[in-house]
Structure formats: C-alpha cells, structure tokens
Amino acid sequence: MWVADNWKDYEIIDCSTGEKLERWGDYILIRPDPQIIWNTPRTHKGWLHPDGHYHRSSRGGGEWEFFNLPEQWSISYRELTFHLKPFSFKHTGLFPEQAANWDWFSQLIREAGRPVRVLNLFAYTGGATLAAAAAGASVTHVDASKGMVTWAKENARSSALENAPIRWLVDDCMKFTERELRRGRRYDAVIMDPPSYGRGPKGEVWKIEDAIHPLIHSCAQLLSDTPLFFLVNSYTTGLAPSVLNYLLALEVKGRFGGTLESDELGLPVGETGLVLPCGSSGRWHG
C-alpha cells in the first residue's frame, strides 16, 4: 500500500462504525466512509466535540452539521497551500491520500533533467496540478466544472504558483483528449482521477466502467516519444488496483516498456497505528 504519511496539517485521528475523525489544520471533522465496517470504542474526545459533522442519510446523500467551522480555511502540504470548504456529499476540496502520488511523480519530474509537459484530467481543485508545477513541469489542467477550476486557481495563488506554466481549461475530458489528438499535441506525462459517475459541462454522461479504457487508449496516443509517467486513480468500489495495472499494461507498457505497478492508497490512523484504505492507483514510468 502507498501511504500518505508526510502530512503535518492533516490526520485521521480515529475511525469507527462507518465514520472517520479527522483533523484538517485547526479543525476537527467527522465524515462517513463506507469501508469502515468495524465497531471500536470511540474514546478520543474529538468524537464528542467536532467542528463539523457530515451525516449520511439513509435515503442517499446527507447534510453537514456545523459547530465551529468557518466557511473556508487553509492547510499546507510541503510548499503547497490549499483552500478548504465543506460542500455537497461530504467533501472538503482535497483528497489527502493523493499526497503519496504527488511525492512519487514530483521526484520523477525533478530528476528528469528536461522540460516535462503534464496533462491532468479530472483535475478537481488542483492538488496534482500544483504538485507537478512546483516540481518544475508545465501542466494542462482540465475539469468539466468551472467552479472546480476557479478553486484550483485560488489554490495556485495561495501556493505562489499563479505565474507557473499552467493552462486552465473547463472542458469534457474525453472530448478534449480527442481534440488534442487531432491537433497533434503531445505530453510527457498523464494524470487522471476519473469519478465513478459524472456529467460533463453539456450533460455528457461518464461511467468509469464504460469510459476508462477508451480514455486511457486515447491518452496513450498523446504521449511523446519519451514519456515520463502515466498515473490513473480510482475510488470506484470493486475496481481493483490490478484492473488499472492491466489497462496500463495494454495501452502504455506494451508500447513504451518501462515499469508498471498498482496498489491501494492509504492514510495512517493515529489511535490505532493502522492504515485506512482510500482508493487505488496504477502507475507507469519510463
């Protein structure tokens, strides 16, 4: 398992009975997690006095209950600073487990000894974009949500990366990729963090089981003659890391050789010393 254990401003304090107790900077949140199927004693005082608690509804979805939480606050990871705010379906605007991937590809970029052009699809609020830019890459950041791209730009300003070579694009990722192929554009690295299900800016339906292979195939055609890395993330329950491994083997390793690996991502839990699984990734590098 790849564990994001270098955080100072974030931690999972404890987890029990379908919920995790987290510290985001100065604030304590309780949020649901369907993988937490164990029922252990909740002895940490944070369970009784959170700043915010997201309650899952039995009918689907849920809602936040706030006690002492600002509308927005910030946390940092290494040289990066991220704005956080609670919004629909339990999210805060950041997935801390992805720091394990940020560290991995940042080292590859710094050691490449050449300019690196990165394509980041489903780029959300810019965590991977900013990590790649801070390491020295030029990045094309694509997300279907105008609000997410605006948020990512705010994170870039907070991280002193507002003048970094980043293209900010609001677009459907599959259609953008197809247009880039027609334009003859090439990238040295691809990052993608696709949702299980979603809609594009014009109502385009995305289902990961149907769309992930065609997208990886298209992105593999966008790679330069000397690609550096290809990263695919998934939070889809039932989609094993080995599935991502298989897809990357078919579309990338078969063409370029290199090294391929896949595993779960995880975050350490302070009260138990164990690791909570948080999705999976497939990694290829040349």
Protein backbone atom coordinates (compact mmCIF):
# COMPACT_ATOMS: atom_id res chain seq x y z
CA MET A 1 0.00 0.00 0.00
CA TRP A 2 1.15 3.54 -0.78
CA VAL A 3 0.65 5.55 2.40
CA ALA A 4 0.47 9.36 2.52
CA ASP A 5 2.30 9.73 5.83
CA ASN A 6 4.10 13.07 5.36
CA TRP A 7 1.21 15.35 6.30
CA LYS A 8 1.54 17.83 9.17
CA ASP A 9 -1.75 19.74 8.69
CA TYR A 10 -3.97 16.67 8.21
CA GLU A 11 -4.52 13.40 10.08
CA ILE A 12 -7.07 10.69 10.60
CA ILE A 13 -7.30 10.60 14.38
CA ASP A 14 -9.62 7.60 14.62
CA CYS A 15 -12.25 5.69 12.65
CA SER A 16 -15.15 3.52 13.77
CA THR A 17 -18.69 2.47 12.79
CA GLY A 18 -18.72 3.96 9.32
CA GLU A 19 -17.10 7.29 10.21
CA LYS A 20 -13.64 8.84 10.43
CA LEU A 21 -12.48 11.52 12.86
CA GLU A 22 -10.12 13.88 11.04
CA ARG A 23 -8.03 16.95 11.80
CA TRP A 24 -7.84 19.44 8.94
CA GLY A 25 -5.46 22.10 10.23
CA ASP A 26 -7.07 23.56 13.36
CA TYR A 27 -10.48 21.94 12.80
CA ILE A 28 -11.92 18.51 13.62
CA LEU A 29 -14.40 16.90 11.23
CA ILE A 30 -16.40 13.68 11.32
CA ARG A 31 -17.19 12.26 7.87
CA PRO A 32 -18.64 8.95 6.69
CA ASP A 33 -16.63 6.24 4.98
CA PRO A 34 -18.34 3.03 3.83
CA GLN A 35 -15.15 0.98 4.20
CA ILE A 36 -15.08 1.50 7.97
CA ILE A 37 -17.10 -1.58 8.88
CA TRP A 38 -15.57 -2.13 12.32
CA ASN A 39 -17.15 -1.02 15.59
CA THR A 40 -14.45 0.04 18.05
CA PRO A 41 -14.73 2.25 21.17
CA ARG A 42 -14.72 5.98 20.43
CA THR A 43 -12.50 7.16 23.25
CA HIS A 44 -10.92 10.24 21.65
CA LYS A 45 -12.55 13.48 22.86
CA GLY A 46 -12.82 14.72 19.28
CA TRP A 47 -15.78 12.42 18.70
CA LEU A 48 -17.75 14.47 21.24
CA HIS A 49 -16.62 17.93 20.15
CA PRO A 50 -16.14 18.15 16.37
CA ASP A 51 -16.22 21.44 14.44
CA GLY A 52 -18.26 19.82 11.68
CA HIS A 53 -20.10 16.52 11.17
CA TYR A 54 -21.42 15.19 7.87
CA HIS A 55 -24.44 12.96 8.48
CA ARG A 56 -25.19 10.37 5.82
CA SER A 57 -28.90 9.96 5.04
CA SER A 58 -30.48 6.53 4.72
CA ARG A 59 -32.20 7.88 1.58
CA GLY A 60 -28.86 8.77 -0.02
CA GLY A 61 -26.73 11.89 0.25
CA GLY A 62 -26.70 13.70 3.56
CA GLU A 63 -26.02 17.06 5.14
CA TRP A 64 -23.45 18.94 7.21
CA GLU A 65 -23.93 19.98 10.82
CA PHE A 66 -21.58 22.82 11.81
CA PHE A 67 -20.47 23.75 15.30
CA ASN A 68 -17.38 25.94 14.99
CA LEU A 69 -16.30 25.75 11.37
CA PRO A 70 -15.51 28.76 9.12
CA GLU A 71 -16.81 28.95 5.57
CA GLN A 72 -13.25 28.49 4.33
CA TRP A 73 -9.82 27.77 5.79
CA SER A 74 -6.42 26.57 4.55
CA ILE A 75 -3.93 23.76 5.12
CA SER A 76 -0.49 23.15 3.64
CA TYR A 77 1.46 20.18 2.30
CA ARG A 78 5.14 20.84 1.78
CA GLU A 79 5.27 24.09 -0.29
CA LEU A 80 1.60 23.90 -1.35
CA THR A 81 -1.37 25.62 0.30
CA PHE A 82 -4.97 24.55 -0.27
CA HIS A 83 -8.24 26.30 0.48
CA LEU A 84 -10.84 24.04 2.07
CA LYS A 85 -14.58 24.42 2.41
CA PRO A 86 -17.26 21.83 3.16
CA PHE A 87 -19.60 21.23 0.25
CA SER A 88 -22.02 18.67 -1.09
CA PHE A 89 -21.58 14.97 -0.39
CA LYS A 90 -19.09 15.24 2.47
CA HIS A 91 -16.13 16.66 0.52
CA THR A 92 -13.77 19.47 1.55
CA GLY A 93 -11.99 20.07 -1.76
CA LEU A 94 -8.96 17.86 -1.14
CA PHE A 95 -8.12 14.14 -1.07
CA PRO A 96 -5.12 13.89 1.32
CA GLU A 97 -4.21 10.32 0.33
CA GLN A 98 -3.17 11.64 -3.09
CA ALA A 99 -0.08 13.17 -1.48
CA ALA A 100 1.54 9.74 -1.88
CA ASN A 101 1.20 10.14 -5.65
CA TRP A 102 2.28 13.80 -5.58
CA ASP A 103 5.56 12.78 -3.93
CA TRP A 104 6.08 9.97 -6.45
CA PHE A 105 5.69 11.97 -9.64
CA SER A 106 7.31 15.12 -8.23
CA GLN A 107 10.53 13.19 -7.78
CA LEU A 108 10.30 11.86 -11.35
CA ILE A 109 9.80 15.39 -12.71
CA ARG A 110 12.69 16.86 -10.70
CA GLU A 111 15.05 14.08 -11.76
CA ALA A 112 14.02 14.10 -15.44
CA GLY A 113 16.64 16.69 -16.41
CA ARG A 114 14.39 18.06 -19.18
CA PRO A 115 11.16 20.01 -19.66
CA VAL A 116 8.11 17.91 -18.74
CA ARG A 117 4.62 18.56 -20.13
CA VAL A 118 1.85 17.09 -17.97
CA LEU A 119 -1.81 16.56 -18.85
CA ASN A 120 -4.05 16.39 -15.76
CA LEU A 121 -7.61 15.20 -16.46
CA PHE A 122 -10.50 15.41 -13.97
CA ALA A 123 -8.12 17.76 -12.22
CA TYR A 124 -10.55 18.90 -9.49
CA THR A 125 -9.13 21.62 -7.20
CA GLY A 126 -5.60 21.23 -8.48
CA GLY A 127 -3.65 19.16 -5.96
CA ALA A 128 -1.79 17.15 -8.60
CA THR A 129 -1.52 20.14 -10.93
CA LEU A 130 0.19 22.26 -8.29
CA ALA A 131 2.48 19.44 -7.15
CA ALA A 132 3.63 18.90 -10.74
CA ALA A 133 4.06 22.63 -11.36
CA ALA A 134 6.03 23.07 -8.12
CA ALA A 135 8.35 20.27 -9.28
CA GLY A 136 9.03 22.18 -12.50
CA ALA A 137 6.54 20.81 -15.04
CA SER A 138 4.23 22.73 -17.35
CA VAL A 139 0.67 21.49 -16.80
CA THR A 140 -2.59 21.41 -18.75
CA HIS A 141 -5.37 21.26 -16.13
CA VAL A 142 -8.75 20.03 -17.39
CA ASP A 143 -12.00 19.70 -15.44
CA ALA A 144 -15.64 19.86 -16.52
CA SER A 145 -16.62 22.08 -13.57
CA LYS A 146 -15.96 25.80 -13.88
CA GLY A 147 -16.24 26.10 -10.09
CA MET A 148 -13.52 23.50 -9.53
CA VAL A 149 -11.16 25.20 -11.98
CA THR A 150 -11.75 28.54 -10.25
CA TRP A 151 -10.99 26.87 -6.90
CA ALA A 152 -7.80 25.35 -8.34
CA LYS A 153 -6.65 28.80 -9.48
CA GLU A 154 -7.20 30.08 -5.94
CA ASN A 155 -5.03 27.25 -4.63
CA ALA A 156 -2.35 28.19 -7.18
CA ARG A 157 -2.32 31.77 -5.88
CA SER A 158 -2.10 30.55 -2.27
CA SER A 159 0.83 28.33 -3.25
CA ALA A 160 2.66 31.20 -5.04
CA LEU A 161 2.16 29.37 -8.36
CA GLU A 162 -0.14 31.88 -10.06
CA ASN A 163 2.57 32.54 -12.68
CA ALA A 164 3.52 28.90 -13.18
CA PRO A 165 3.07 27.47 -16.73
CA ILE A 166 -0.44 26.07 -16.17
CA ARG A 167 -3.24 26.02 -18.78
CA TRP A 168 -6.62 26.13 -17.01
CA LEU A 169 -9.40 24.56 -19.08
CA VAL A 170 -13.10 23.89 -18.41
CA ASP A 171 -13.94 21.01 -20.73
CA ASP A 172 -15.19 17.45 -21.05
CA CYS A 173 -12.06 15.34 -20.61
CA MET A 174 -12.79 12.78 -23.32
CA LYS A 175 -13.71 15.39 -25.93
CA PHE A 176 -10.68 17.49 -25.03
CA THR A 177 -8.41 14.46 -25.44
CA GLU A 178 -9.89 13.72 -28.86
CA ARG A 179 -9.31 17.31 -29.97
CA GLU A 180 -5.71 17.25 -28.73
CA LEU A 181 -5.11 14.13 -30.84
CA ARG A 182 -6.40 15.94 -33.93
CA ARG A 183 -4.18 18.93 -33.12
CA GLY A 184 -1.14 16.70 -32.86
CA ARG A 185 -0.34 17.79 -29.29
CA ARG A 186 1.92 15.59 -27.20
CA TYR A 187 2.56 15.26 -23.47
CA ASP A 188 5.33 13.67 -21.45
CA ALA A 189 3.04 12.58 -18.62
CA VAL A 190 -0.66 11.98 -17.96
CA ILE A 191 -2.55 12.10 -14.66
CA MET A 192 -6.21 11.16 -14.46
CA ASP A 193 -8.53 10.98 -11.47
CA PRO A 194 -11.88 9.98 -13.01
CA PRO A 195 -15.09 9.79 -10.99
CA SER A 196 -17.17 6.64 -10.83
CA TYR A 197 -20.02 8.55 -12.43
CA GLY A 198 -20.39 12.10 -13.63
CA ARG A 199 -21.60 14.54 -16.24
CA GLY A 200 -19.70 16.90 -18.49
CA PRO A 201 -20.48 20.61 -18.95
CA LYS A 202 -23.08 19.80 -21.63
CA GLY A 203 -24.62 16.83 -19.83
CA GLU A 204 -22.26 14.19 -21.19
CA VAL A 205 -22.55 11.01 -19.10
CA TRP A 206 -19.38 9.43 -17.71
CA LYS A 207 -19.42 5.88 -16.30
CA ILE A 208 -15.97 4.65 -15.40
CA GLU A 209 -16.61 1.01 -16.35
CA ASP A 210 -17.53 2.03 -19.90
CA ALA A 211 -15.23 5.01 -20.46
CA ILE A 212 -11.94 4.39 -18.67
CA HIS A 213 -10.37 2.09 -21.26
CA PRO A 214 -11.16 4.33 -24.28
CA LEU A 215 -9.80 7.33 -22.38
CA ILE A 216 -6.56 5.60 -21.40
CA HIS A 217 -6.20 4.43 -25.02
CA SER A 218 -6.61 7.99 -26.31
CA CYS A 219 -4.23 9.44 -23.72
CA ALA A 220 -1.59 6.84 -24.59
CA GLN A 221 -1.69 8.21 -28.15
CA LEU A 222 -1.00 11.68 -26.74
CA LEU A 223 2.28 10.60 -25.13
CA SER A 224 5.55 11.91 -26.50
CA ASP A 225 8.27 9.65 -27.86
CA THR A 226 9.97 9.68 -24.44
CA PRO A 227 7.14 9.73 -21.89
CA LEU A 228 7.95 10.07 -18.21
CA PHE A 229 4.91 8.70 -16.36
CA PHE A 230 1.22 7.78 -16.51
CA LEU A 231 -0.94 7.82 -13.36
CA VAL A 232 -4.54 6.59 -13.07
CA ASN A 233 -6.54 6.90 -9.83
CA SER A 234 -9.83 5.26 -8.90
CA TYR A 235 -12.22 5.49 -5.96
CA THR A 236 -14.69 3.07 -7.52
CA THR A 237 -15.59 0.24 -5.14
CA GLY A 238 -14.86 -3.10 -6.77
CA LEU A 239 -12.36 -1.74 -9.29
CA ALA A 240 -9.20 -3.44 -8.05
CA PRO A 241 -5.73 -1.91 -8.45
CA SER A 242 -4.89 -4.84 -10.72
CA VAL A 243 -7.56 -3.63 -13.18
CA LEU A 244 -5.71 -0.32 -13.54
CA ASN A 245 -2.49 -2.30 -13.90
CA TYR A 246 -4.00 -4.37 -16.72
CA LEU A 247 -5.24 -1.30 -18.61
CA LEU A 248 -1.87 0.45 -18.36
CA ALA A 249 -0.10 -2.73 -19.44
CA LEU A 250 -2.30 -2.93 -22.54
CA GLU A 251 -2.06 0.70 -23.59
CA VAL A 252 1.22 2.09 -22.23
CA LYS A 253 3.74 -0.56 -21.18
CA GLY A 254 3.12 -2.53 -24.35
CA ARG A 255 4.25 0.48 -26.42
CA PHE A 256 6.95 2.04 -24.28
CA GLY A 257 8.25 -0.67 -21.93
CA GLY A 258 9.14 0.87 -18.58
CA THR A 259 7.93 -0.02 -15.11
CA LEU A 260 4.34 -0.67 -14.05
CA GLU A 261 2.83 -1.08 -10.58
CA SER A 262 -0.52 -0.71 -8.88
CA ASP A 263 -1.69 -0.66 -5.28
CA GLU A 264 -4.11 0.83 -2.79
CA LEU A 265 -3.63 4.31 -1.37
CA GLY A 266 -3.89 4.74 2.38
CA LEU A 267 -3.77 7.16 5.30
CA PRO A 268 -2.41 6.33 8.76
CA VAL A 269 -4.85 6.29 11.70
CA GLY A 270 -3.38 7.86 14.83
CA GLU A 271 -5.32 5.99 17.52
CA THR A 272 -4.61 2.51 16.16
CA GLY A 273 -1.38 2.83 14.17
CA LEU A 274 -3.15 1.07 11.29
CA VAL A 275 -3.79 2.34 7.74
CA LEU A 276 -7.20 3.19 6.25
CA PRO A 277 -7.50 2.27 2.54
CA CYS A 278 -8.58 5.21 0.35
CA GLY A 279 -8.88 4.10 -3.25
CA SER A 280 -6.25 2.76 -5.64
CA SER A 281 -3.77 3.87 -8.27
CA GLY A 282 -1.96 2.47 -11.27
CA ARG A 283 1.48 3.93 -12.00
CA TRP A 284 3.69 3.59 -15.06
CA HIS A 285 7.01 5.33 -15.59
CA GLY A 286 9.59 5.14 -18.34
